[in-house]
C-alpha atoms as a PDB file:
ATOM      1  CA  UNK A   1      64.825  44.979  16.010  1.00  0.00           C
ATOM      2  CA  UNK A   2      64.845  43.544  19.577  1.00  0.00           C
ATOM      3  CA  UNK A   3      62.978  40.282  20.373  1.00  0.00           C
ATOM      4  CA  UNK A   4      62.108  39.095  23.894  1.00  0.00           C
ATOM      5  CA  UNK A   5      61.822  35.283  24.261  1.00  0.00           C
ATOM      6  CA  UNK A   6      61.663  33.547  27.683  1.00  0.00           C
ATOM      7  CA  UNK A   7      63.405  36.369  29.499  1.00  0.00           C
ATOM      8  CA  UNK A   8      66.208  36.813  26.884  1.00  0.00           C
ATOM      9  CA  UNK A   9      66.625  39.639  24.422  1.00  0.00           C
ATOM     10  CA  UNK A  10      67.718  38.921  20.864  1.00  0.00           C
ATOM     11  CA  UNK A  11      68.665  41.395  18.161  1.00  0.00           C
ATOM     12  CA  UNK A  12      67.472  40.757  14.650  1.00  0.00           C
ATOM     13  CA  UNK A  13      67.132  42.748  11.490  1.00  0.00           C
ATOM     14  CA  UNK A  14      63.778  44.006  10.345  1.00  0.00           C
ATOM     15  CA  UNK A  15      64.659  44.347   6.652  1.00  0.00           C
ATOM     16  CA  UNK A  16      66.410  41.992   4.293  1.00  0.00           C
ATOM     17  CA  UNK A  17      69.830  43.056   3.157  1.00  0.00           C
ATOM     18  CA  UNK A  18      70.587  42.562  -0.549  1.00  0.00           C
ATOM     19  CA  UNK A  19      73.608  40.365   0.228  1.00  0.00           C
ATOM     20  CA  UNK A  20      71.764  38.174   2.778  1.00  0.00           C
ATOM     21  CA  UNK A  21      70.725  34.657   1.756  1.00  0.00           C
ATOM     22  CA  UNK A  22      68.259  34.034   4.639  1.00  0.00           C
ATOM     23  CA  UNK A  23      64.809  35.565   4.917  1.00  0.00           C
ATOM     24  CA  UNK A  24      63.189  36.840   8.087  1.00  0.00           C
ATOM     25  CA  UNK A  25      61.050  33.723   8.889  1.00  0.00           C
ATOM     26  CA  UNK A  26      63.975  31.316   8.474  1.00  0.00           C
ATOM     27  CA  UNK A  27      66.178  33.529  10.601  1.00  0.00           C
ATOM     28  CA  UNK A  28      63.504  33.734  13.287  1.00  0.00           C
ATOM     29  CA  UNK A  29      63.047  29.953  13.335  1.00  0.00           C
ATOM     30  CA  UNK A  30      66.774  29.292  13.551  1.00  0.00           C
ATOM     31  CA  UNK A  31      67.034  31.832  16.377  1.00  0.00           C
ATOM     32  CA  UNK A  32      64.226  30.155  18.311  1.00  0.00           C
ATOM     33  CA  UNK A  33      65.809  26.716  17.862  1.00  0.00           C
ATOM     34  CA  UNK A  34      69.152  27.976  19.137  1.00  0.00           C
ATOM     35  CA  UNK A  35      67.443  29.607  22.109  1.00  0.00           C
ATOM     36  CA  UNK A  36      65.589  26.389  22.921  1.00  0.00           C
ATOM     37  CA  UNK A  37      68.821  24.371  22.873  1.00  0.00           C
ATOM     38  CA  UNK A  38      70.522  26.966  25.039  1.00  0.00           C
ATOM     39  CA  UNK A  39      67.724  26.924  27.614  1.00  0.00           C
ATOM     40  CA  UNK A  40      67.702  23.124  27.745  1.00  0.00           C
ATOM     41  CA  UNK A  41      71.426  23.052  28.392  1.00  0.00           C
ATOM     42  CA  UNK A  42      71.129  25.650  31.150  1.00  0.00           C
ATOM     43  CA  UNK A  43      68.236  24.002  33.017  1.00  0.00           C
ATOM     44  CA  UNK A  44      69.330  22.153  36.210  1.00  0.00           C
ATOM     45  CA  UNK A  45      68.781  18.448  36.229  1.00  0.00           C
ATOM     46  CA  UNK A  46      66.124  17.750  38.822  1.00  0.00           C
ATOM     47  CA  UNK A  47      65.852  14.244  40.336  1.00  0.00           C
ATOM     48  CA  UNK A  48      62.083  14.604  40.350  1.00  0.00           C
ATOM     49  CA  UNK A  49      61.950  14.631  36.567  1.00  0.00           C
ATOM     50  CA  UNK A  50      63.611  11.240  36.149  1.00  0.00           C
ATOM     51  CA  UNK A  51      60.743   9.133  37.542  1.00  0.00           C
ATOM     52  CA  UNK A  52      58.282  11.110  35.455  1.00  0.00           C
ATOM     53  CA  UNK A  53      60.437  10.659  32.381  1.00  0.00           C
ATOM     54  CA  UNK A  54      60.810   6.959  33.079  1.00  0.00           C
ATOM     55  CA  UNK A  55      57.062   6.663  33.522  1.00  0.00           C
ATOM     56  CA  UNK A  56      56.377   8.586  30.332  1.00  0.00           C
ATOM     57  CA  UNK A  57      58.874   6.620  28.229  1.00  0.00           C
ATOM     58  CA  UNK A  58      58.142   3.167  29.667  1.00  0.00           C
ATOM     59  CA  UNK A  59      55.923   0.865  27.665  1.00  0.00           C
ATOM     60  CA  UNK A  60      52.367   0.781  28.978  1.00  0.00           C
ATOM     61  CA  UNK A  61      51.142  -2.354  30.607  1.00  0.00           C
ATOM     62  CA  UNK A  62      48.734  -4.132  28.295  1.00  0.00           C
ATOM     63  CA  UNK A  63      45.278  -4.001  29.765  1.00  0.00           C
ATOM     64  CA  UNK A  64      42.757  -6.606  28.875  1.00  0.00           C
ATOM     65  CA  UNK A  65      39.477  -5.144  27.706  1.00  0.00           C
ATOM     66  CA  UNK A  66      37.014  -7.835  28.603  1.00  0.00           C
ATOM     67  CA  UNK A  67      33.466  -7.855  27.470  1.00  0.00           C
ATOM     68  CA  UNK A  68      31.200  -9.180  30.248  1.00  0.00           C
ATOM     69  CA  UNK A  69      28.801 -10.556  27.635  1.00  0.00           C
ATOM     70  CA  UNK A  70      31.448 -12.783  26.010  1.00  0.00           C
ATOM     71  CA  UNK A  71      33.507 -15.598  27.506  1.00  0.00           C
ATOM     72  CA  UNK A  72      37.287 -15.358  27.662  1.00  0.00           C
ATOM     73  CA  UNK A  73      38.965 -16.215  24.378  1.00  0.00           C
ATOM     74  CA  UNK A  74      41.578 -18.987  24.458  1.00  0.00           C
ATOM     75  CA  UNK A  75      44.459 -18.417  22.084  1.00  0.00           C
ATOM     76  CA  UNK A  76      46.547 -21.162  20.511  1.00  0.00           C
ATOM     77  CA  UNK A  77      50.081 -21.787  21.785  1.00  0.00           C
ATOM     78  CA  UNK A  78      52.955 -20.176  19.848  1.00  0.00           C
ATOM     79  CA  UNK A  79      54.157 -21.893  16.708  1.00  0.00           C
ATOM     80  CA  UNK A  80      57.219 -24.124  16.927  1.00  0.00           C
ATOM     81  CA  UNK A  81      58.701 -22.537  13.819  1.00  0.00           C
ATOM     82  CA  UNK A  82      59.190 -19.203  15.575  1.00  0.00           C
ATOM     83  CA  UNK A  83      62.885 -18.704  16.464  1.00  0.00           C
ATOM     84  CA  UNK A  84      63.657 -22.294  15.439  1.00  0.00           C
ATOM     85  CA  UNK A  85      66.110 -21.484  12.666  1.00  0.00           C
ATOM     86  CA  UNK A  86      69.781 -21.928  13.497  1.00  0.00           C
ATOM     87  CA  UNK A  87      71.959 -21.182  10.482  1.00  0.00           C
ATOM     88  CA  UNK A  88      74.509 -23.997   9.981  1.00  0.00           C
ATOM     89  CA  UNK A  89      78.007 -23.444   8.689  1.00  0.00           C
ATOM     90  CA  UNK A  90      77.570 -25.510   5.491  1.00  0.00           C
ATOM     91  CA  UNK A  91      75.491 -23.723   2.798  1.00  0.00           C
ATOM     92  CA  UNK A  92      74.242 -27.032   1.345  1.00  0.00           C
ATOM     93  CA  UNK A  93      73.116 -28.192   4.748  1.00  0.00           C
ATOM     94  CA  UNK A  94      71.458 -24.828   5.309  1.00  0.00           C
ATOM     95  CA  UNK A  95      69.643 -25.101   1.964  1.00  0.00           C
ATOM     96  CA  UNK A  96      68.533 -28.675   2.732  1.00  0.00           C
ATOM     97  CA  UNK A  97      67.372 -27.703   6.201  1.00  0.00           C
ATOM     98  CA  UNK A  98      65.528 -24.682   4.833  1.00  0.00           C
ATOM     99  CA  UNK A  99      63.861 -26.863   2.191  1.00  0.00           C
ATOM    100  CA  UNK A 100      62.851 -29.354   4.906  1.00  0.00           C
ATOM    101  CA  UNK A 101      61.413 -26.555   7.012  1.00  0.00           C
ATOM    102  CA  UNK A 102      59.518 -25.255   3.997  1.00  0.00           C
ATOM    103  CA  UNK A 103      58.095 -28.707   3.273  1.00  0.00           C
ATOM    104  CA  UNK A 104      57.046 -29.151   6.889  1.00  0.00           C
ATOM    105  CA  UNK A 105      55.544 -25.679   6.909  1.00  0.00           C
ATOM    106  CA  UNK A 106      53.651 -26.363   3.672  1.00  0.00           C
ATOM    107  CA  UNK A 107      52.418 -29.667   5.117  1.00  0.00           C
ATOM    108  CA  UNK A 108      51.192 -27.996   8.291  1.00  0.00           C
ATOM    109  CA  UNK A 109      49.559 -25.207   6.287  1.00  0.00           C
ATOM    110  CA  UNK A 110      47.820 -27.839   4.178  1.00  0.00           C
ATOM    111  CA  UNK A 111      46.582 -29.622   7.306  1.00  0.00           C
ATOM    112  CA  UNK A 112      45.416 -26.334   8.803  1.00  0.00           C
ATOM    113  CA  UNK A 113      43.594 -25.529   5.573  1.00  0.00           C
ATOM    114  CA  UNK A 114      41.893 -28.909   5.696  1.00  0.00           C
ATOM    115  CA  UNK A 115      40.869 -28.291   9.296  1.00  0.00           C
ATOM    116  CA  UNK A 116      39.640 -24.821   8.363  1.00  0.00           C
ATOM    117  CA  UNK A 117      37.637 -26.176   5.418  1.00  0.00           C
ATOM    118  CA  UNK A 118      36.218 -28.883   7.685  1.00  0.00           C
ATOM    119  CA  UNK A 119      35.257 -26.315  10.330  1.00  0.00           C
ATOM    120  CA  UNK A 120      33.703 -24.061   7.687  1.00  0.00           C
ATOM    121  CA  UNK A 121      31.746 -27.018   6.340  1.00  0.00           C
ATOM    122  CA  UNK A 122      30.575 -27.901   9.848  1.00  0.00           C
ATOM    123  CA  UNK A 123      29.523 -24.294  10.415  1.00  0.00           C
ATOM    124  CA  UNK A 124      27.703 -24.294   7.084  1.00  0.00           C
ATOM    125  CA  UNK A 125      25.904 -27.529   7.932  1.00  0.00           C
ATOM    126  CA  UNK A 126      25.033 -26.184  11.383  1.00  0.00           C
ATOM    127  CA  UNK A 127      23.701 -22.973   9.840  1.00  0.00           C
ATOM    128  CA  UNK A 128      21.775 -24.987   7.262  1.00  0.00           C
ATOM    129  CA  UNK A 129      20.320 -27.170  10.016  1.00  0.00           C
ATOM    130  CA  UNK A 130      19.309 -24.114  12.034  1.00  0.00           C
ATOM    131  CA  UNK A 131      17.769 -22.491   8.966  1.00  0.00           C
ATOM    132  CA  UNK A 132      15.834 -25.659   8.157  1.00  0.00           C
ATOM    133  CA  UNK A 133      14.677 -25.937  11.776  1.00  0.00           C
ATOM    134  CA  UNK A 134      13.630 -22.284  11.697  1.00  0.00           C
ATOM    135  CA  UNK A 135      11.768 -22.774   8.423  1.00  0.00           C
ATOM    136  CA  UNK A 136      10.111 -25.919   9.784  1.00  0.00           C
ATOM    137  CA  UNK A 137       9.092 -24.090  12.963  1.00  0.00           C
ATOM    138  CA  UNK A 138       7.751 -21.209  10.873  1.00  0.00           C
ATOM    139  CA  UNK A 139       5.840 -23.637   8.653  1.00  0.00           C
ATOM    140  CA  UNK A 140       4.352 -25.442  11.665  1.00  0.00           C
ATOM    141  CA  UNK A 141       3.408 -22.114  13.248  1.00  0.00           C
ATOM    142  CA  UNK A 142       1.788 -20.964  10.000  1.00  0.00           C
ATOM    143  CA  UNK A 143      -0.116 -24.235   9.667  1.00  0.00           C
ATOM    144  CA  UNK A 144      -1.265 -23.998  13.294  1.00  0.00           C
ATOM    145  CA  UNK A 145      -2.324 -20.391  12.743  1.00  0.00           C
ATOM    146  CA  UNK A 146      -4.183 -21.341   9.555  1.00  0.00           C
ATOM    147  CA  UNK A 147      -5.847 -24.258  11.373  1.00  0.00           C
ATOM    148  CA  UNK A 148      -6.891 -21.919  14.193  1.00  0.00           C
ATOM    149  CA  UNK A 149      -8.290 -19.439  11.676  1.00  0.00           C
ATOM    150  CA  UNK A 150     -10.151 -22.221   9.843  1.00  0.00           C
ATOM    151  CA  UNK A 151     -11.559 -23.555  13.133  1.00  0.00           C
ATOM    152  CA  UNK A 152     -12.581 -20.037  14.156  1.00  0.00           C
ATOM    153  CA  UNK A 153     -14.265 -19.486  10.778  1.00  0.00           C
ATOM    154  CA  UNK A 154     -16.009 -22.855  11.053  1.00  0.00           C
ATOM    155  CA  UNK A 155     -17.213 -22.070  14.574  1.00  0.00           C
ATOM    156  CA  UNK A 156     -18.419 -18.646  13.460  1.00  0.00           C
ATOM    157  CA  UNK A 157     -20.204 -20.214  10.482  1.00  0.00           C
ATOM    158  CA  UNK A 158     -21.860 -22.781  12.780  1.00  0.00           C
ATOM    159  CA  UNK A 159     -22.916 -20.044  15.205  1.00  0.00           C
ATOM    160  CA  UNK A 160     -24.218 -17.947  12.330  1.00  0.00           C
ATOM    161  CA  UNK A 161     -26.141 -20.937  10.956  1.00  0.00           C
ATOM    162  CA  UNK A 162     -27.636 -21.642  14.398  1.00  0.00           C
ATOM    163  CA  UNK A 163     -28.592 -17.979  14.756  1.00  0.00           C
ATOM    164  CA  UNK A 164     -30.162 -17.974  11.295  1.00  0.00           C
ATOM    165  CA  UNK A 165     -32.063 -21.185  12.102  1.00  0.00           C
ATOM    166  CA  UNK A 166     -33.330 -19.707  15.370  1.00  0.00           C
ATOM    167  CA  UNK A 167     -34.331 -16.518  13.558  1.00  0.00           C
ATOM    168  CA  UNK A 168     -36.115 -18.538  10.889  1.00  0.00           C
ATOM    169  CA  UNK A 169     -37.963 -20.567  13.540  1.00  0.00           C
ATOM    170  CA  UNK A 170     -38.890 -17.401  15.412  1.00  0.00           C
ATOM    171  CA  UNK A 171     -40.128 -15.830  12.180  1.00  0.00           C
ATOM    172  CA  UNK A 172     -42.180 -18.929  11.314  1.00  0.00           C
ATOM    173  CA  UNK A 173     -43.609 -18.978  14.827  1.00  0.00           C
ATOM    174  CA  UNK A 174     -44.553 -15.316  14.615  1.00  0.00           C
ATOM    175  CA  UNK A 175     -46.093 -15.865  11.203  1.00  0.00           C
ATOM    176  CA  UNK A 176     -48.067 -18.876  12.517  1.00  0.00           C
ATOM    177  CA  UNK A 177     -49.236 -16.861  15.517  1.00  0.00           C
ATOM    178  CA  UNK A 178     -50.297 -13.992  13.276  1.00  0.00           C
ATOM    179  CA  UNK A 179     -52.050 -16.394  10.913  1.00  0.00           C
ATOM    180  CA  UNK A 180     -53.847 -18.035  13.824  1.00  0.00           C
ATOM    181  CA  UNK A 181     -54.804 -14.634  15.149  1.00  0.00           C
ATOM    182  CA  UNK A 182     -56.188 -13.553  11.800  1.00  0.00           C
ATOM    183  CA  UNK A 183     -58.054 -16.842  11.421  1.00  0.00           C
ATOM    184  CA  UNK A 184     -59.584 -16.372  14.850  1.00  0.00           C
ATOM    185  CA  UNK A 185     -60.516 -12.822  13.970  1.00  0.00           C
ATOM    186  CA  UNK A 186     -62.082 -13.959  10.701  1.00  0.00           C
ATOM    187  CA  UNK A 187     -63.964 -16.655  12.560  1.00  0.00           C
ATOM    188  CA  UNK A 188     -65.198 -14.168  15.122  1.00  0.00           C
ATOM    189  CA  UNK A 189     -66.241 -11.749  12.390  1.00  0.00           C
ATOM    190  CA  UNK A 190     -67.983 -14.576  10.538  1.00  0.00           C
ATOM    191  CA  UNK A 191     -69.783 -15.665  13.715  1.00  0.00           C
ATOM    192  CA  UNK A 192     -70.846 -12.099  14.468  1.00  0.00           C
ATOM    193  CA  UNK A 193     -72.069 -11.689  10.927  1.00  0.00           C
ATOM    194  CA  UNK A 194     -73.940 -14.985  11.138  1.00  0.00           C
ATOM    195  CA  UNK A 195     -75.544 -13.975  14.431  1.00  0.00           C
ATOM    196  CA  UNK A 196     -76.523 -10.651  12.973  1.00  0.00           C
ATOM    197  CA  UNK A 197     -78.040 -12.296   9.907  1.00  0.00           C
ATOM    198  CA  UNK A 198     -79.878 -14.776  12.106  1.00  0.00           C
ATOM    199  CA  UNK A 199     -81.246 -11.969  14.236  1.00  0.00           C
ATOM    200  CA  UNK A 200     -82.208 -10.073  11.143  1.00  0.00           C
ATOM    201  CA  UNK A 201     -83.896 -13.156   9.703  1.00  0.00           C
ATOM    202  CA  UNK A 202     -85.849 -13.644  12.899  1.00  0.00           C
ATOM    203  CA  UNK A 203     -86.937 -10.047  12.902  1.00  0.00           C
ATOM    204  CA  UNK A 204     -87.808 -10.153   9.204  1.00  0.00           C
ATOM    205  CA  UNK A 205     -90.297 -13.035   9.740  1.00  0.00           C
ATOM    206  CA  UNK A 206     -92.566 -10.631  11.588  1.00  0.00           C
ATOM    207  CA  UNK A 207     -92.697  -8.140   8.810  1.00  0.00           C
ATOM    208  CA  UNK A 208     -96.000  -7.544   6.837  1.00  0.00           C
ATOM    209  CA  UNK A 209     -96.237  -7.354   3.122  1.00  0.00           C
ATOM    210  CA  UNK A 210     -97.671  -4.256   1.441  1.00  0.00           C
ATOM    211  CA  UNK A 211    -100.923  -5.840   0.146  1.00  0.00           C
ATOM    212  CA  UNK A 212    -101.866  -7.123   3.585  1.00  0.00           C
ATOM    213  CA  UNK A 213    -100.845  -3.978   5.402  1.00  0.00           C
ATOM    214  CA  UNK A 214    -104.339  -2.346   5.249  1.00  0.00           C
ATOM    215  CA  UNK A 215    -106.024  -5.536   6.313  1.00  0.00           C
ATOM    216  CA  UNK A 216    -103.703  -5.894   9.269  1.00  0.00           C
ATOM    217  CA  UNK A 217    -104.299  -2.273  10.197  1.00  0.00           C
ATOM    218  CA  UNK A 218    -108.050  -2.739  10.092  1.00  0.00           C
ATOM    219  CA  UNK A 219    -107.840  -5.890  12.143  1.00  0.00           C
ATOM    220  CA  UNK A 220    -105.654  -4.124  14.643  1.00  0.00           C
ATOM    221  CA  UNK A 221    -108.194  -1.347  14.944  1.00  0.00           C
ATOM    222  CA  UNK A 222    -111.121  -3.720  15.314  1.00  0.00           C
ATOM    223  CA  UNK A 223    -109.290  -6.309  17.392  1.00  0.00           C
ATOM    224  CA  UNK A 224    -106.795  -4.873  19.778  1.00  0.00           C
ATOM    225  CA  UNK A 225    -104.860  -8.093  20.068  1.00  0.00           C
ATOM    226  CA  UNK A 226    -101.159  -7.776  19.745  1.00  0.00           C
ATOM    227  CA  UNK A 227     -99.559  -8.648  16.546  1.00  0.00           C
END
């Protein structure tokens, strides 16, 4: 079987022989690897590739990703223990020096832990102070809001009481006016009735009784004087 790869022809077997120890995929992979090495060795070295290779293999320049919302962070200076060990020739001296360095390191770590604990305590106290101030501000705001609500309720109650008092006065006034009107009407009716009775009484004084009616008729016939 003939295989074309990058302009080169390669002959390979299509079936596995009983005495062969390699299979077709492994043979194909080994053939491709050999071809790749051969092509790399035959390629001319171009001077234009060197700058690109140097740029691709050079370490990238560290870029600082700054957040505009945060201030620049200030790092601590490097520790004095870095690259400070010089191995002496005497093993005992080296052991003593190493023990001294360990003691100094433990001492500095202890001091740094104390500073860290102190800073954490300060942060905790600051947070506690802020929380207490926030709670106090919330309490004052709630009390002010409750006082405003109580004052508003009191003002509404006073206005409602004034409105009820005005309504009660208006109702009493209307009732008094109606009562006065009805009294006047009763008085007028009583006066009219009295006048009517008086007129009726005056007219009734001129009436003639039944026994004297014939006598009065006879007198009226004989004497034409008015009654």
